[in-house]
Amino acid sequence: NAALTRGLSILTGSVGWIITGVWTAIDIAGPAYRVTIPACIVVTTLRLKAQANEIKNLL
């Protein structure tokens, strides 16, 4: 029982966070995100430019 508790504490502690971080980084670097993230950035940039032009035209 003590060994199980110790093992779980290691997995939920800093080692667990490192494993989770690496796993997340691998998932984010997957092929879907290599297209999705840049596309979202482009859409956001276009929206900000359009909003700035609207404000400029109102003034």
PDB file of N, CA and C in Angstrom:
ATOM      1  N   ASN A   1       0.823  -1.192   0.000  1.00  0.00           N
ATOM      2  CA  ASN A   1       0.000   0.000   0.000  1.00  0.00           C
ATOM      3  C   ASN A   1       0.869   1.259   0.000  1.00  0.00           C
ATOM      4  N   ALA A   2       1.948   1.230   0.744  1.00  0.00           N
ATOM      5  CA  ALA A   2       2.852   2.380   0.795  1.00  0.00           C
ATOM      6  C   ALA A   2       3.545   2.584  -0.555  1.00  0.00           C
ATOM      7  N   ALA A   3       3.892   1.483  -1.204  1.00  0.00           N
ATOM      8  CA  ALA A   3       4.543   1.593  -2.513  1.00  0.00           C
ATOM      9  C   ALA A   3       3.583   2.186  -3.545  1.00  0.00           C
ATOM     10  N   LEU A   4       2.326   1.801  -3.464  1.00  0.00           N
ATOM     11  CA  LEU A   4       1.325   2.338  -4.381  1.00  0.00           C
ATOM     12  C   LEU A   4       1.141   3.837  -4.159  1.00  0.00           C
ATOM     13  N   THR A   5       1.078   4.232  -2.907  1.00  0.00           N
ATOM     14  CA  THR A   5       0.940   5.649  -2.579  1.00  0.00           C
ATOM     15  C   THR A   5       2.147   6.434  -3.066  1.00  0.00           C
ATOM     16  N   ARG A   6       3.332   5.880  -2.873  1.00  0.00           N
ATOM     17  CA  ARG A   6       4.560   6.553  -3.322  1.00  0.00           C
ATOM     18  C   ARG A   6       4.582   6.674  -4.844  1.00  0.00           C
ATOM     19  N   GLY A   7       4.188   5.626  -5.528  1.00  0.00           N
ATOM     20  CA  GLY A   7       4.152   5.655  -6.991  1.00  0.00           C
ATOM     21  C   GLY A   7       3.168   6.681  -7.519  1.00  0.00           C
ATOM     22  N   LEU A   8       1.996   6.757  -6.896  1.00  0.00           N
ATOM     23  CA  LEU A   8       1.003   7.741  -7.313  1.00  0.00           C
ATOM     24  C   LEU A   8       1.466   9.160  -7.028  1.00  0.00           C
ATOM     25  N   SER A   9       2.168   9.351  -5.920  1.00  0.00           N
ATOM     26  CA  SER A   9       2.643  10.700  -5.600  1.00  0.00           C
ATOM     27  C   SER A   9       3.701  11.162  -6.600  1.00  0.00           C
ATOM     28  N   ILE A  10       4.502  10.238  -7.104  1.00  0.00           N
ATOM     29  CA  ILE A  10       5.502  10.595  -8.119  1.00  0.00           C
ATOM     30  C   ILE A  10       4.808  10.981  -9.423  1.00  0.00           C
ATOM     31  N   LEU A  11       3.777  10.207  -9.807  1.00  0.00           N
ATOM     32  CA  LEU A  11       3.077  10.488 -11.061  1.00  0.00           C
ATOM     33  C   LEU A  11       2.262  11.772 -11.001  1.00  0.00           C
ATOM     34  N   THR A  12       1.790  12.142  -9.820  1.00  0.00           N
ATOM     35  CA  THR A  12       1.005  13.372  -9.714  1.00  0.00           C
ATOM     36  C   THR A  12       1.870  14.561  -9.340  1.00  0.00           C
ATOM     37  N   GLY A  13       3.116  14.333  -9.056  1.00  0.00           N
ATOM     38  CA  GLY A  13       4.032  15.417  -8.697  1.00  0.00           C
ATOM     39  C   GLY A  13       4.703  16.001  -9.920  1.00  0.00           C
ATOM     40  N   SER A  14       5.908  16.471  -9.733  1.00  0.00           N
ATOM     41  CA  SER A  14       6.629  17.152 -10.812  1.00  0.00           C
ATOM     42  C   SER A  14       6.921  16.234 -11.995  1.00  0.00           C
ATOM     43  N   VAL A  15       7.193  14.972 -11.725  1.00  0.00           N
ATOM     44  CA  VAL A  15       7.450  14.034 -12.827  1.00  0.00           C
ATOM     45  C   VAL A  15       6.193  13.890 -13.683  1.00  0.00           C
ATOM     46  N   GLY A  16       5.060  13.818 -13.032  1.00  0.00           N
ATOM     47  CA  GLY A  16       3.792  13.723 -13.758  1.00  0.00           C
ATOM     48  C   GLY A  16       3.529  14.945 -14.613  1.00  0.00           C
ATOM     49  N   TRP A  17       3.861  16.129 -14.067  1.00  0.00           N
ATOM     50  CA  TRP A  17       3.669  17.367 -14.830  1.00  0.00           C
ATOM     51  C   TRP A  17       4.597  17.410 -16.040  1.00  0.00           C
ATOM     52  N   ILE A  18       5.804  16.929 -15.885  1.00  0.00           N
ATOM     53  CA  ILE A  18       6.751  16.902 -17.009  1.00  0.00           C
ATOM     54  C   ILE A  18       6.236  15.970 -18.104  1.00  0.00           C
ATOM     55  N   ILE A  19       5.773  14.793 -17.696  1.00  0.00           N
ATOM     56  CA  ILE A  19       5.238  13.837 -18.671  1.00  0.00           C
ATOM     57  C   ILE A  19       4.033  14.434 -19.387  1.00  0.00           C
ATOM     58  N   THR A  20       3.148  15.080 -18.628  1.00  0.00           N
ATOM     59  CA  THR A  20       1.970  15.706 -19.226  1.00  0.00           C
ATOM     60  C   THR A  20       2.367  16.815 -20.194  1.00  0.00           C
ATOM     61  N   GLY A  21       3.360  17.621 -19.825  1.00  0.00           N
ATOM     62  CA  GLY A  21       3.822  18.700 -20.694  1.00  0.00           C
ATOM     63  C   GLY A  21       4.399  18.186 -21.995  1.00  0.00           C
ATOM     64  N   VAL A  22       5.217  17.147 -21.907  1.00  0.00           N
ATOM     65  CA  VAL A  22       5.811  16.568 -23.118  1.00  0.00           C
ATOM     66  C   VAL A  22       4.720  15.979 -24.008  1.00  0.00           C
ATOM     67  N   TRP A  23       3.787  15.271 -23.399  1.00  0.00           N
ATOM     68  CA  TRP A  23       2.691  14.661 -24.148  1.00  0.00           C
ATOM     69  C   TRP A  23       1.852  15.734 -24.847  1.00  0.00           C
ATOM     70  N   THR A  24       1.571  16.818 -24.148  1.00  0.00           N
ATOM     71  CA  THR A  24       0.801  17.917 -24.730  1.00  0.00           C
ATOM     72  C   THR A  24       1.562  18.565 -25.881  1.00  0.00           C
ATOM     73  N   ALA A  25       2.862  18.762 -25.711  1.00  0.00           N
ATOM     74  CA  ALA A  25       3.672  19.363 -26.773  1.00  0.00           C
ATOM     75  C   ALA A  25       3.655  18.494 -28.031  1.00  0.00           C
ATOM     76  N   ILE A  26       3.709  17.199 -27.849  1.00  0.00           N
ATOM     77  CA  ILE A  26       3.663  16.287 -28.998  1.00  0.00           C
ATOM     78  C   ILE A  26       2.301  16.370 -29.679  1.00  0.00           C
ATOM     79  N   ASP A  27       1.227  16.425 -28.873  1.00  0.00           N
ATOM     80  CA  ASP A  27      -0.114  16.525 -29.449  1.00  0.00           C
ATOM     81  C   ASP A  27      -0.305  17.838 -30.196  1.00  0.00           C
ATOM     82  N   ILE A  28       0.188  18.933 -29.633  1.00  0.00           N
ATOM     83  CA  ILE A  28       0.033  20.236 -30.273  1.00  0.00           C
ATOM     84  C   ILE A  28       0.827  20.297 -31.574  1.00  0.00           C
ATOM     85  N   ALA A  29       1.957  19.615 -31.625  1.00  0.00           N
ATOM     86  CA  ALA A  29       2.796  19.635 -32.819  1.00  0.00           C
ATOM     87  C   ALA A  29       2.275  18.699 -33.904  1.00  0.00           C
ATOM     88  N   GLY A  30       1.137  18.068 -33.660  1.00  0.00           N
ATOM     89  CA  GLY A  30       0.563  17.159 -34.646  1.00  0.00           C
ATOM     90  C   GLY A  30       0.156  17.890 -35.913  1.00  0.00           C
ATOM     91  N   PRO A  31      -0.122  17.160 -36.970  1.00  0.00           N
ATOM     92  CA  PRO A  31      -0.401  17.766 -38.263  1.00  0.00           C
ATOM     93  C   PRO A  31      -1.629  18.678 -38.267  1.00  0.00           C
ATOM     94  N   ALA A  32      -2.639  18.370 -37.492  1.00  0.00           N
ATOM     95  CA  ALA A  32      -3.840  19.210 -37.488  1.00  0.00           C
ATOM     96  C   ALA A  32      -3.530  20.589 -36.919  1.00  0.00           C
ATOM     97  N   TYR A  33      -2.735  20.644 -35.864  1.00  0.00           N
ATOM     98  CA  TYR A  33      -2.431  21.924 -35.239  1.00  0.00           C
ATOM     99  C   TYR A  33      -1.438  22.737 -36.058  1.00  0.00           C
ATOM    100  N   ARG A  34      -0.647  22.093 -36.882  1.00  0.00           N
ATOM    101  CA  ARG A  34       0.283  22.834 -37.735  1.00  0.00           C
ATOM    102  C   ARG A  34      -0.461  23.652 -38.777  1.00  0.00           C
ATOM    103  N   VAL A  35      -1.691  23.298 -39.050  1.00  0.00           N
ATOM    104  CA  VAL A  35      -2.522  24.061 -39.980  1.00  0.00           C
ATOM    105  C   VAL A  35      -3.491  24.955 -39.215  1.00  0.00           C
ATOM    106  N   THR A  36      -4.082  24.429 -38.152  1.00  0.00           N
ATOM    107  CA  THR A  36      -5.134  25.145 -37.428  1.00  0.00           C
ATOM    108  C   THR A  36      -4.622  26.403 -36.747  1.00  0.00           C
ATOM    109  N   ILE A  37      -3.521  26.312 -36.026  1.00  0.00           N
ATOM    110  CA  ILE A  37      -3.010  27.461 -35.268  1.00  0.00           C
ATOM    111  C   ILE A  37      -2.630  28.616 -36.201  1.00  0.00           C
ATOM    112  N   PRO A  38      -1.842  28.397 -37.250  1.00  0.00           N
ATOM    113  CA  PRO A  38      -1.544  29.519 -38.151  1.00  0.00           C
ATOM    114  C   PRO A  38      -2.802  30.091 -38.817  1.00  0.00           C
ATOM    115  N   ALA A  39      -3.766  29.240 -39.148  1.00  0.00           N
ATOM    116  CA  ALA A  39      -5.005  29.734 -39.751  1.00  0.00           C
ATOM    117  C   ALA A  39      -5.760  30.627 -38.776  1.00  0.00           C
ATOM    118  N   CYS A  40      -5.812  30.245 -37.519  1.00  0.00           N
ATOM    119  CA  CYS A  40      -6.470  31.074 -36.500  1.00  0.00           C
ATOM    120  C   CYS A  40      -5.755  32.411 -36.343  1.00  0.00           C
ATOM    121  N   ILE A  41      -4.445  32.394 -36.407  1.00  0.00           N
ATOM    122  CA  ILE A  41      -3.676  33.639 -36.289  1.00  0.00           C
ATOM    123  C   ILE A  41      -3.968  34.555 -37.475  1.00  0.00           C
ATOM    124  N   VAL A  42      -4.053  33.994 -38.672  1.00  0.00           N
ATOM    125  CA  VAL A  42      -4.353  34.794 -39.861  1.00  0.00           C
ATOM    126  C   VAL A  42      -5.750  35.404 -39.757  1.00  0.00           C
ATOM    127  N   VAL A  43      -6.730  34.613 -39.338  1.00  0.00           N
ATOM    128  CA  VAL A  43      -8.099  35.119 -39.204  1.00  0.00           C
ATOM    129  C   VAL A  43      -8.157  36.226 -38.164  1.00  0.00           C
ATOM    130  N   THR A  44      -7.473  36.036 -37.045  1.00  0.00           N
ATOM    131  CA  THR A  44      -7.449  37.057 -35.997  1.00  0.00           C
ATOM    132  C   THR A  44      -6.823  38.347 -36.503  1.00  0.00           C
ATOM    133  N   THR A  45      -5.726  38.228 -37.230  1.00  0.00           N
ATOM    134  CA  THR A  45      -5.058  39.409 -37.774  1.00  0.00           C
ATOM    135  C   THR A  45      -5.971  40.158 -38.742  1.00  0.00           C
ATOM    136  N   LEU A  46      -6.656  39.423 -39.607  1.00  0.00           N
ATOM    137  CA  LEU A  46      -7.572  40.062 -40.554  1.00  0.00           C
ATOM    138  C   LEU A  46      -8.720  40.761 -39.835  1.00  0.00           C
ATOM    139  N   ARG A  47      -9.239  40.145 -38.786  1.00  0.00           N
ATOM    140  CA  ARG A  47     -10.325  40.774 -38.023  1.00  0.00           C
ATOM    141  C   ARG A  47      -9.846  42.046 -37.336  1.00  0.00           C
ATOM    142  N   LEU A  48      -8.648  42.009 -36.776  1.00  0.00           N
ATOM    143  CA  LEU A  48      -8.112  43.199 -36.112  1.00  0.00           C
ATOM    144  C   LEU A  48      -7.889  44.332 -37.111  1.00  0.00           C
ATOM    145  N   LYS A  49      -7.397  43.994 -38.306  1.00  0.00           N
ATOM    146  CA  LYS A  49      -7.202  45.015 -39.340  1.00  0.00           C
ATOM    147  C   LYS A  49      -8.538  45.614 -39.767  1.00  0.00           C
ATOM    148  N   ALA A  50      -9.549  44.773 -39.942  1.00  0.00           N
ATOM    149  CA  ALA A  50     -10.871  45.259 -40.340  1.00  0.00           C
ATOM    150  C   ALA A  50     -11.462  46.148 -39.254  1.00  0.00           C
ATOM    151  N   GLN A  51     -11.292  45.753 -38.014  1.00  0.00           N
ATOM    152  CA  GLN A  51     -11.796  46.549 -36.896  1.00  0.00           C
ATOM    153  C   GLN A  51     -11.080  47.897 -36.824  1.00  0.00           C
ATOM    154  N   ALA A  52      -9.783  47.902 -37.043  1.00  0.00           N
ATOM    155  CA  ALA A  52      -9.018  49.152 -37.023  1.00  0.00           C
ATOM    156  C   ALA A  52      -9.470  50.074 -38.153  1.00  0.00           C
ATOM    157  N   ASN A  53      -9.749  49.513 -39.323  1.00  0.00           N
ATOM    158  CA  ASN A  53     -10.233  50.322 -40.449  1.00  0.00           C
ATOM    159  C   ASN A  53     -11.609  50.913 -40.157  1.00  0.00           C
ATOM    160  N   GLU A  54     -12.479  50.140 -39.500  1.00  0.00           N
ATOM    161  CA  GLU A  54     -13.802  50.649 -39.132  1.00  0.00           C
ATOM    162  C   GLU A  54     -13.682  51.827 -38.180  1.00  0.00           C
ATOM    163  N   ILE A  55     -12.837  51.690 -37.181  1.00  0.00           N
ATOM    164  CA  ILE A  55     -12.641  52.765 -36.205  1.00  0.00           C
ATOM    165  C   ILE A  55     -12.050  53.989 -36.892  1.00  0.00           C
ATOM    166  N   LYS A  56     -11.111  53.760 -37.796  1.00  0.00           N
ATOM    167  CA  LYS A  56     -10.468  54.858 -38.525  1.00  0.00           C
ATOM    168  C   LYS A  56     -11.498  55.608 -39.378  1.00  0.00           C
ATOM    169  N   ASN A  57     -12.405  54.869 -40.011  1.00  0.00           N
ATOM    170  CA  ASN A  57     -13.430  55.491 -40.859  1.00  0.00           C
ATOM    171  C   ASN A  57     -14.457  56.263 -40.036  1.00  0.00           C
ATOM    172  N   LEU A  58     -14.699  55.846 -38.810  1.00  0.00           N
ATOM    173  CA  LEU A  58     -15.654  56.551 -37.954  1.00  0.00           C
ATOM    174  C   LEU A  58     -15.096  57.883 -37.467  1.00  0.00           C
ATOM    175  N   LEU A  59     -13.794  57.955 -37.339  1.00  0.00           N
ATOM    176  CA  LEU A  59     -13.171  59.198 -36.865  1.00  0.00           C
ATOM    177  C   LEU A  59     -13.021  60.120 -38.029  1.00  0.00           C
TER     178      LEU A  59
END
